[in-house]
Amino acid sequence: MSLCFQLECNRYNMDELICSAFKVLDYNRRFLKMNIAGLLVISHTD
C-alpha cells in the first residue's frame, strides 16, 4: 500500500475495515491494469 493512500485513509479518518477494503480495490485496479497491458502486448505480437 502506498504512503499516499495511507495518508488518504488518515485524512478521512476511515475505520480499518473501510481502509482495508479500499486497499483491496486499489490492488485489484493495479493488477487489472497489468493484465490489460499484458493482453495488449500479446495481441500486438501475433
PDB file of N, CA and C in Angstrom:
ATOM      1  N   MET A   1       0.836  -1.190   0.000  1.00  0.00           N
ATOM      2  CA  MET A   1       0.000   0.000   0.000  1.00  0.00           C
ATOM      3  C   MET A   1       0.877   1.248   0.000  1.00  0.00           C
ATOM      4  N   SER A   2       0.545   2.194  -0.843  1.00  0.00           N
ATOM      5  CA  SER A   2       1.367   3.383  -0.957  1.00  0.00           C
ATOM      6  C   SER A   2       1.169   4.327   0.221  1.00  0.00           C
ATOM      7  N   LEU A   3       2.182   5.129   0.461  1.00  0.00           N
ATOM      8  CA  LEU A   3       2.123   6.119   1.529  1.00  0.00           C
ATOM      9  C   LEU A   3       0.997   7.115   1.260  1.00  0.00           C
ATOM     10  N   CYS A   4       0.871   7.504   0.007  1.00  0.00           N
ATOM     11  CA  CYS A   4      -0.167   8.441  -0.402  1.00  0.00           C
ATOM     12  C   CYS A   4      -1.537   7.914   0.010  1.00  0.00           C
ATOM     13  N   PHE A   5      -1.752   6.627  -0.233  1.00  0.00           N
ATOM     14  CA  PHE A   5      -3.035   6.030   0.119  1.00  0.00           C
ATOM     15  C   PHE A   5      -3.224   5.999   1.625  1.00  0.00           C
ATOM     16  N   GLN A   6      -2.149   5.725   2.351  1.00  0.00           N
ATOM     17  CA  GLN A   6      -2.209   5.709   3.810  1.00  0.00           C
ATOM     18  C   GLN A   6      -2.643   7.075   4.339  1.00  0.00           C
ATOM     19  N   LEU A   7      -2.085   8.129   3.763  1.00  0.00           N
ATOM     20  CA  LEU A   7      -2.448   9.484   4.165  1.00  0.00           C
ATOM     21  C   LEU A   7      -3.906   9.759   3.867  1.00  0.00           C
ATOM     22  N   GLU A   8      -4.362   9.271   2.730  1.00  0.00           N
ATOM     23  CA  GLU A   8      -5.762   9.423   2.337  1.00  0.00           C
ATOM     24  C   GLU A   8      -6.677   8.797   3.387  1.00  0.00           C
ATOM     25  N   CYS A   9      -6.347   7.597   3.826  1.00  0.00           N
ATOM     26  CA  CYS A   9      -7.124   6.915   4.854  1.00  0.00           C
ATOM     27  C   CYS A   9      -7.161   7.728   6.132  1.00  0.00           C
ATOM     28  N   ASN A  10      -5.992   8.241   6.516  1.00  0.00           N
ATOM     29  CA  ASN A  10      -5.910   9.003   7.749  1.00  0.00           C
ATOM     30  C   ASN A  10      -6.681  10.312   7.657  1.00  0.00           C
ATOM     31  N   ARG A  11      -6.621  10.928   6.501  1.00  0.00           N
ATOM     32  CA  ARG A  11      -7.269  12.220   6.309  1.00  0.00           C
ATOM     33  C   ARG A  11      -8.777  12.089   6.471  1.00  0.00           C
ATOM     34  N   TYR A  12      -9.320  11.022   5.932  1.00  0.00           N
ATOM     35  CA  TYR A  12     -10.767  10.828   6.030  1.00  0.00           C
ATOM     36  C   TYR A  12     -11.179  10.102   7.300  1.00  0.00           C
ATOM     37  N   ASN A  13     -10.173   9.763   8.139  1.00  0.00           N
ATOM     38  CA  ASN A  13     -10.457   9.034   9.369  1.00  0.00           C
ATOM     39  C   ASN A  13     -11.306   7.788   9.114  1.00  0.00           C
ATOM     40  N   MET A  14     -10.964   7.091   8.081  1.00  0.00           N
ATOM     41  CA  MET A  14     -11.688   5.860   7.784  1.00  0.00           C
ATOM     42  C   MET A  14     -11.389   4.828   8.853  1.00  0.00           C
ATOM     43  N   ASP A  15     -12.362   3.987   9.122  1.00  0.00           N
ATOM     44  CA  ASP A  15     -12.027   2.913  10.047  1.00  0.00           C
ATOM     45  C   ASP A  15     -11.260   1.830   9.302  1.00  0.00           C
ATOM     46  N   GLU A  16     -10.726   0.900  10.040  1.00  0.00           N
ATOM     47  CA  GLU A  16      -9.792  -0.079   9.488  1.00  0.00           C
ATOM     48  C   GLU A  16     -10.436  -0.938   8.401  1.00  0.00           C
ATOM     49  N   LEU A  17     -11.690  -1.285   8.594  1.00  0.00           N
ATOM     50  CA  LEU A  17     -12.386  -2.141   7.634  1.00  0.00           C
ATOM     51  C   LEU A  17     -12.534  -1.458   6.284  1.00  0.00           C
ATOM     52  N   ILE A  18     -12.990  -0.221   6.316  1.00  0.00           N
ATOM     53  CA  ILE A  18     -13.157   0.526   5.065  1.00  0.00           C
ATOM     54  C   ILE A  18     -11.809   0.710   4.392  1.00  0.00           C
ATOM     55  N   CYS A  19     -10.821   1.055   5.200  1.00  0.00           N
ATOM     56  CA  CYS A  19      -9.479   1.282   4.657  1.00  0.00           C
ATOM     57  C   CYS A  19      -8.954   0.023   3.975  1.00  0.00           C
ATOM     58  N   SER A  20      -9.142  -1.132   4.604  1.00  0.00           N
ATOM     59  CA  SER A  20      -8.627  -2.362   4.001  1.00  0.00           C
ATOM     60  C   SER A  20      -9.418  -2.735   2.753  1.00  0.00           C
ATOM     61  N   ALA A  21     -10.692  -2.405   2.725  1.00  0.00           N
ATOM     62  CA  ALA A  21     -11.489  -2.642   1.516  1.00  0.00           C
ATOM     63  C   ALA A  21     -10.945  -1.805   0.363  1.00  0.00           C
ATOM     64  N   PHE A  22     -10.604  -0.553   0.649  1.00  0.00           N
ATOM     65  CA  PHE A  22     -10.019   0.301  -0.376  1.00  0.00           C
ATOM     66  C   PHE A  22      -8.656  -0.212  -0.824  1.00  0.00           C
ATOM     67  N   LYS A  23      -7.897  -0.764   0.128  1.00  0.00           N
ATOM     68  CA  LYS A  23      -6.587  -1.336  -0.212  1.00  0.00           C
ATOM     69  C   LYS A  23      -6.762  -2.440  -1.244  1.00  0.00           C
ATOM     70  N   VAL A  24      -7.743  -3.307  -1.011  1.00  0.00           N
ATOM     71  CA  VAL A  24      -8.007  -4.413  -1.931  1.00  0.00           C
ATOM     72  C   VAL A  24      -8.421  -3.878  -3.296  1.00  0.00           C
ATOM     73  N   LEU A  25      -9.288  -2.886  -3.316  1.00  0.00           N
ATOM     74  CA  LEU A  25      -9.717  -2.293  -4.580  1.00  0.00           C
ATOM     75  C   LEU A  25      -8.536  -1.691  -5.332  1.00  0.00           C
ATOM     76  N   ASP A  26      -7.684  -0.993  -4.598  1.00  0.00           N
ATOM     77  CA  ASP A  26      -6.521  -0.357  -5.203  1.00  0.00           C
ATOM     78  C   ASP A  26      -5.588  -1.407  -5.798  1.00  0.00           C
ATOM     79  N   TYR A  27      -5.392  -2.495  -5.066  1.00  0.00           N
ATOM     80  CA  TYR A  27      -4.536  -3.579  -5.539  1.00  0.00           C
ATOM     81  C   TYR A  27      -5.126  -4.215  -6.795  1.00  0.00           C
ATOM     82  N   ASN A  28      -6.440  -4.473  -6.758  1.00  0.00           N
ATOM     83  CA  ASN A  28      -7.090  -5.097  -7.906  1.00  0.00           C
ATOM     84  C   ASN A  28      -7.030  -4.217  -9.141  1.00  0.00           C
ATOM     85  N   ARG A  29      -7.158  -2.913  -8.957  1.00  0.00           N
ATOM     86  CA  ARG A  29      -7.105  -1.995 -10.088  1.00  0.00           C
ATOM     87  C   ARG A  29      -5.727  -2.044 -10.739  1.00  0.00           C
ATOM     88  N   ARG A  30      -4.673  -2.052  -9.896  1.00  0.00           N
ATOM     89  CA  ARG A  30      -3.320  -2.119 -10.444  1.00  0.00           C
ATOM     90  C   ARG A  30      -3.083  -3.442 -11.155  1.00  0.00           C
ATOM     91  N   PHE A  31      -3.607  -4.516 -10.572  1.00  0.00           N
ATOM     92  CA  PHE A  31      -3.447  -5.841 -11.155  1.00  0.00           C
ATOM     93  C   PHE A  31      -4.158  -5.907 -12.505  1.00  0.00           C
ATOM     94  N   LEU A  32      -5.337  -5.317 -12.569  1.00  0.00           N
ATOM     95  CA  LEU A  32      -6.117  -5.287 -13.801  1.00  0.00           C
ATOM     96  C   LEU A  32      -5.369  -4.521 -14.891  1.00  0.00           C
ATOM     97  N   LYS A  33      -4.780  -3.396 -14.517  1.00  0.00           N
ATOM     98  CA  LYS A  33      -4.000  -2.619 -15.483  1.00  0.00           C
ATOM     99  C   LYS A  33      -2.852  -3.436 -16.048  1.00  0.00           C
ATOM    100  N   MET A  34      -2.184  -4.191 -15.183  1.00  0.00           N
ATOM    101  CA  MET A  34      -1.072  -5.021 -15.642  1.00  0.00           C
ATOM    102  C   MET A  34      -1.581  -6.079 -16.618  1.00  0.00           C
ATOM    103  N   ASN A  35      -2.727  -6.687 -16.301  1.00  0.00           N
ATOM    104  CA  ASN A  35      -3.287  -7.711 -17.169  1.00  0.00           C
ATOM    105  C   ASN A  35      -3.674  -7.137 -18.520  1.00  0.00           C
ATOM    106  N   ILE A  36      -4.286  -5.965 -18.517  1.00  0.00           N
ATOM    107  CA  ILE A  36      -4.682  -5.326 -19.768  1.00  0.00           C
ATOM    108  C   ILE A  36      -3.450  -5.004 -20.603  1.00  0.00           C
ATOM    109  N   ALA A  37      -2.412  -4.474 -19.948  1.00  0.00           N
ATOM    110  CA  ALA A  37      -1.165  -4.175 -20.654  1.00  0.00           C
ATOM    111  C   ALA A  37      -0.582  -5.456 -21.242  1.00  0.00           C
ATOM    112  N   GLY A  38      -0.620  -6.525 -20.474  1.00  0.00           N
ATOM    113  CA  GLY A  38      -0.116  -7.813 -20.947  1.00  0.00           C
ATOM    114  C   GLY A  38      -0.898  -8.326 -22.144  1.00  0.00           C
ATOM    115  N   LEU A  39      -2.209  -8.176 -22.098  1.00  0.00           N
ATOM    116  CA  LEU A  39      -3.053  -8.624 -23.207  1.00  0.00           C
ATOM    117  C   LEU A  39      -2.773  -7.805 -24.462  1.00  0.00           C
ATOM    118  N   LEU A  40      -2.571  -6.509 -24.292  1.00  0.00           N
ATOM    119  CA  LEU A  40      -2.262  -5.663 -25.444  1.00  0.00           C
ATOM    120  C   LEU A  40      -0.951  -6.085 -26.084  1.00  0.00           C
ATOM    121  N   VAL A  41       0.050  -6.380 -25.256  1.00  0.00           N
ATOM    122  CA  VAL A  41       1.344  -6.820 -25.772  1.00  0.00           C
ATOM    123  C   VAL A  41       1.189  -8.128 -26.529  1.00  0.00           C
ATOM    124  N   ILE A  42       0.441  -9.058 -25.943  1.00  0.00           N
ATOM    125  CA  ILE A  42       0.235 -10.354 -26.587  1.00  0.00           C
ATOM    126  C   ILE A  42      -0.494 -10.188 -27.918  1.00  0.00           C
ATOM    127  N   SER A  43      -1.529  -9.344 -27.937  1.00  0.00           N
ATOM    128  CA  SER A  43      -2.307  -9.193 -29.164  1.00  0.00           C
ATOM    129  C   SER A  43      -1.522  -8.482 -30.264  1.00  0.00           C
ATOM    130  N   HIS A  44      -0.541  -7.682 -29.882  1.00  0.00           N
ATOM    131  CA  HIS A  44       0.257  -6.983 -30.892  1.00  0.00           C
ATOM    132  C   HIS A  44       1.391  -7.840 -31.446  1.00  0.00           C
ATOM    133  N   THR A  45       1.719  -8.929 -30.747  1.00  0.00           N
ATOM    134  CA  THR A  45       2.857  -9.726 -31.203  1.00  0.00           C
ATOM    135  C   THR A  45       2.464 -10.880 -32.125  1.00  0.00           C
ATOM    136  N   ASP A  46       1.172 -11.169 -32.249  1.00  0.00           N
ATOM    137  CA  ASP A  46       0.797 -12.321 -33.095  1.00  0.00           C
ATOM    138  C   ASP A  46       0.532 -11.972 -34.551  1.00  0.00           C
TER     139      ASP A  46
END
